[in-house]
Amino acid sequence: GLSHLHGCTDRGQFVISLIRGLGGNLNMKSRQEFAKEIFNWSRESPPDPRKPLETYYDVKLGSLMTYQLEKPENLTLEDFSNPQTLPVIQTPDMQRNLDYFKPWLGFDTK
């Protein structure tokens, strides 16, 4: 769980990493409550207080942001013809779940 804290240099980044690291094994309802408590204790505010788990830390901007739906543009029928290269529609849930695994997929992780 604490592996998510590796490399944190900013308060917002620490808060998000703490929520992901320590809350990762909780069910969604408990994780939501845990996230609200961490935000409260740290005196940080998620961009959308109703959806604290949809918050991520943008390193380039140095601030907390909310995941947004990202869908491929200009999809055609041909994009769906090869099952090995289907387009990915990046829902907020998908982006959040991917961010849970990213710390373990880096080159500096052993």
C-alpha atoms as a PDB file:
ATOM      1  CA  GLY A   1       0.000   0.000   0.000  1.00  0.00           C
ATOM      2  CA  LEU A   2       2.733   2.486   0.866  1.00  0.00           C
ATOM      3  CA  SER A   3       4.474   1.833  -2.449  1.00  0.00           C
ATOM      4  CA  HIS A   4       2.168   4.491  -3.896  1.00  0.00           C
ATOM      5  CA  LEU A   5       3.967   7.117  -1.800  1.00  0.00           C
ATOM      6  CA  HIS A   6       7.321   6.562  -3.538  1.00  0.00           C
ATOM      7  CA  GLY A   7       8.482   9.749  -5.222  1.00  0.00           C
ATOM      8  CA  CYS A   8       5.823  12.064  -3.781  1.00  0.00           C
ATOM      9  CA  THR A   9       7.070  15.639  -3.766  1.00  0.00           C
ATOM     10  CA  ASP A  10       3.859  17.621  -3.323  1.00  0.00           C
ATOM     11  CA  ARG A  11       1.079  17.632  -0.746  1.00  0.00           C
ATOM     12  CA  GLY A  12      -1.700  16.938  -3.261  1.00  0.00           C
ATOM     13  CA  GLN A  13       0.307  14.108  -4.763  1.00  0.00           C
ATOM     14  CA  PHE A  14       0.870  12.665  -1.273  1.00  0.00           C
ATOM     15  CA  VAL A  15      -2.859  12.812  -0.467  1.00  0.00           C
ATOM     16  CA  ILE A  16      -3.867  11.007  -3.671  1.00  0.00           C
ATOM     17  CA  SER A  17      -1.111   8.414  -3.213  1.00  0.00           C
ATOM     18  CA  LEU A  18      -2.166   7.809   0.384  1.00  0.00           C
ATOM     19  CA  ILE A  19      -5.780   7.296  -0.666  1.00  0.00           C
ATOM     20  CA  ARG A  20      -4.741   4.852  -3.383  1.00  0.00           C
ATOM     21  CA  GLY A  21      -2.177   3.028  -1.294  1.00  0.00           C
ATOM     22  CA  LEU A  22      -4.071   2.579   1.950  1.00  0.00           C
ATOM     23  CA  GLY A  23      -7.576   2.579   0.472  1.00  0.00           C
ATOM     24  CA  GLY A  24      -6.887   0.212  -2.401  1.00  0.00           C
ATOM     25  CA  ASN A  25      -8.090  -2.901  -0.563  1.00  0.00           C
ATOM     26  CA  LEU A  26     -11.292  -1.338   0.741  1.00  0.00           C
ATOM     27  CA  ASN A  27     -14.665  -1.801  -0.910  1.00  0.00           C
ATOM     28  CA  MET A  28     -15.827   1.205  -2.914  1.00  0.00           C
ATOM     29  CA  LYS A  29     -18.119   2.633  -0.233  1.00  0.00           C
ATOM     30  CA  SER A  30     -15.420   2.427   2.451  1.00  0.00           C
ATOM     31  CA  ARG A  31     -12.805   3.753   0.028  1.00  0.00           C
ATOM     32  CA  GLN A  32     -15.048   6.758  -0.724  1.00  0.00           C
ATOM     33  CA  GLU A  33     -15.406   7.519   3.010  1.00  0.00           C
ATOM     34  CA  PHE A  34     -11.686   6.989   3.552  1.00  0.00           C
ATOM     35  CA  ALA A  35     -10.886   9.442   0.741  1.00  0.00           C
ATOM     36  CA  LYS A  36     -13.198  12.058   2.251  1.00  0.00           C
ATOM     37  CA  GLU A  37     -11.446  11.674   5.622  1.00  0.00           C
ATOM     38  CA  ILE A  38      -7.969  11.972   4.099  1.00  0.00           C
ATOM     39  CA  PHE A  39      -8.990  15.116   2.216  1.00  0.00           C
ATOM     40  CA  ASN A  40     -10.456  16.527   5.413  1.00  0.00           C
ATOM     41  CA  TRP A  41      -7.380  15.710   7.541  1.00  0.00           C
ATOM     42  CA  SER A  42      -5.005  17.158   4.956  1.00  0.00           C
ATOM     43  CA  ARG A  43      -7.115  20.278   4.380  1.00  0.00           C
ATOM     44  CA  GLU A  44      -7.061  19.574   0.647  1.00  0.00           C
ATOM     45  CA  SER A  45     -10.208  19.822  -1.471  1.00  0.00           C
ATOM     46  CA  PRO A  46     -10.997  17.524  -4.367  1.00  0.00           C
ATOM     47  CA  PRO A  47     -12.247  19.353  -7.484  1.00  0.00           C
ATOM     48  CA  ASP A  48     -15.578  17.518  -7.170  1.00  0.00           C
ATOM     49  CA  PRO A  49     -16.318  16.868  -3.467  1.00  0.00           C
ATOM     50  CA  ARG A  50     -19.136  14.485  -4.427  1.00  0.00           C
ATOM     51  CA  LYS A  51     -16.642  12.220  -6.238  1.00  0.00           C
ATOM     52  CA  PRO A  52     -13.352  12.285  -4.304  1.00  0.00           C
ATOM     53  CA  LEU A  53     -12.164   9.048  -5.894  1.00  0.00           C
ATOM     54  CA  GLU A  54     -12.308  10.626  -9.348  1.00  0.00           C
ATOM     55  CA  THR A  55      -9.461  12.931  -8.317  1.00  0.00           C
ATOM     56  CA  TYR A  56      -5.886  12.599  -9.517  1.00  0.00           C
ATOM     57  CA  TYR A  57      -2.781  14.713  -9.152  1.00  0.00           C
ATOM     58  CA  ASP A  58      -1.509  16.328 -12.350  1.00  0.00           C
ATOM     59  CA  VAL A  59       2.264  16.612 -12.010  1.00  0.00           C
ATOM     60  CA  LYS A  60       2.588  19.077 -14.902  1.00  0.00           C
ATOM     61  CA  LEU A  61      -0.012  21.462 -13.468  1.00  0.00           C
ATOM     62  CA  GLY A  62       0.879  20.780  -9.846  1.00  0.00           C
ATOM     63  CA  SER A  63      -2.757  20.478  -8.828  1.00  0.00           C
ATOM     64  CA  LEU A  64      -5.612  18.097  -8.152  1.00  0.00           C
ATOM     65  CA  MET A  65      -7.791  17.384 -11.166  1.00  0.00           C
ATOM     66  CA  THR A  66     -10.879  15.302 -11.938  1.00  0.00           C
ATOM     67  CA  TYR A  67     -10.739  12.443 -14.420  1.00  0.00           C
ATOM     68  CA  GLN A  68     -12.654  13.254 -17.599  1.00  0.00           C
ATOM     69  CA  LEU A  69     -14.096  10.923 -20.211  1.00  0.00           C
ATOM     70  CA  GLU A  70     -11.582  10.587 -23.048  1.00  0.00           C
ATOM     71  CA  LYS A  71     -12.862   8.907 -26.160  1.00  0.00           C
ATOM     72  CA  PRO A  72     -11.038   8.409 -29.437  1.00  0.00           C
ATOM     73  CA  GLU A  73     -11.987  10.859 -32.151  1.00  0.00           C
ATOM     74  CA  ASN A  74     -12.930   9.927 -35.702  1.00  0.00           C
ATOM     75  CA  LEU A  75     -13.789   6.290 -34.998  1.00  0.00           C
ATOM     76  CA  THR A  76     -14.706   4.246 -38.030  1.00  0.00           C
ATOM     77  CA  LEU A  77     -16.134   0.774 -38.476  1.00  0.00           C
ATOM     78  CA  GLU A  78     -12.659  -0.442 -39.469  1.00  0.00           C
ATOM     79  CA  ASP A  79     -11.358   0.467 -36.001  1.00  0.00           C
ATOM     80  CA  PHE A  80     -13.496  -2.378 -34.639  1.00  0.00           C
ATOM     81  CA  SER A  81     -12.525  -5.019 -37.206  1.00  0.00           C
ATOM     82  CA  ASN A  82      -9.329  -6.236 -35.484  1.00  0.00           C
ATOM     83  CA  PRO A  83      -9.962  -7.583 -31.961  1.00  0.00           C
ATOM     84  CA  GLN A  84      -6.252  -7.136 -31.125  1.00  0.00           C
ATOM     85  CA  THR A  85      -6.347  -3.356 -31.588  1.00  0.00           C
ATOM     86  CA  LEU A  86      -9.792  -2.267 -30.441  1.00  0.00           C
ATOM     87  CA  PRO A  87     -10.072   1.402 -29.482  1.00  0.00           C
ATOM     88  CA  VAL A  88     -10.102   2.207 -25.770  1.00  0.00           C
ATOM     89  CA  ILE A  89     -12.624   4.612 -24.355  1.00  0.00           C
ATOM     90  CA  GLN A  90     -10.973   6.009 -21.264  1.00  0.00           C
ATOM     91  CA  THR A  91     -13.755   6.361 -18.728  1.00  0.00           C
ATOM     92  CA  PRO A  92     -12.954   7.995 -15.374  1.00  0.00           C
ATOM     93  CA  ASP A  93     -13.200   4.534 -13.727  1.00  0.00           C
ATOM     94  CA  MET A  94     -10.763   3.028 -16.204  1.00  0.00           C
ATOM     95  CA  GLN A  95      -8.273   5.880 -15.745  1.00  0.00           C
ATOM     96  CA  ARG A  96      -8.501   5.652 -11.956  1.00  0.00           C
ATOM     97  CA  ASN A  97      -8.016   1.880 -11.957  1.00  0.00           C
ATOM     98  CA  LEU A  98      -5.032   2.171 -14.276  1.00  0.00           C
ATOM     99  CA  ASP A  99      -3.479   4.728 -11.918  1.00  0.00           C
ATOM    100  CA  TYR A 100      -3.737   2.188  -9.083  1.00  0.00           C
ATOM    101  CA  PHE A 101      -1.336  -0.087 -11.006  1.00  0.00           C
ATOM    102  CA  LYS A 102       1.065   2.469 -12.486  1.00  0.00           C
ATOM    103  CA  PRO A 103       3.387   2.660  -9.449  1.00  0.00           C
ATOM    104  CA  TRP A 104       4.094  -1.069  -9.770  1.00  0.00           C
ATOM    105  CA  LEU A 105       4.732  -0.969 -13.533  1.00  0.00           C
ATOM    106  CA  GLY A 106       7.529   1.610 -13.535  1.00  0.00           C
ATOM    107  CA  PHE A 107      11.167   0.807 -14.322  1.00  0.00           C
ATOM    108  CA  ASP A 108      12.302   1.713 -10.801  1.00  0.00           C
ATOM    109  CA  THR A 109       9.909  -0.797  -9.181  1.00  0.00           C
ATOM    110  CA  LYS A 110      11.433  -4.119  -8.141  1.00  0.00           C
END
